[in-house]
């Protein structure tokens, strides 16, 4: 389903960008253009972000990457 009519961005694309780390409407705009036109989709974008947070699908890959980075930084600091 198209969520952002101005930029023709689908819910699938938006969900993918959220799972890759876009946590705000502004970040979604930078990632895929959604919400950068008239702003009529901002409420729906906010809802999709909230749903992802509740289902814990926000950046699972980042958690692994961040954990690995933290370990590298900690070992360098020692």
Foldseek 3Di string as FASTA:
>chain_A
DQLAPVQRDDPVNLLVQQLQAQQAQVSSCVVRNGCVPPNPRRVVSNVSSVVCVVVVSGHPVVVVVVVVVVVVVVVVVD
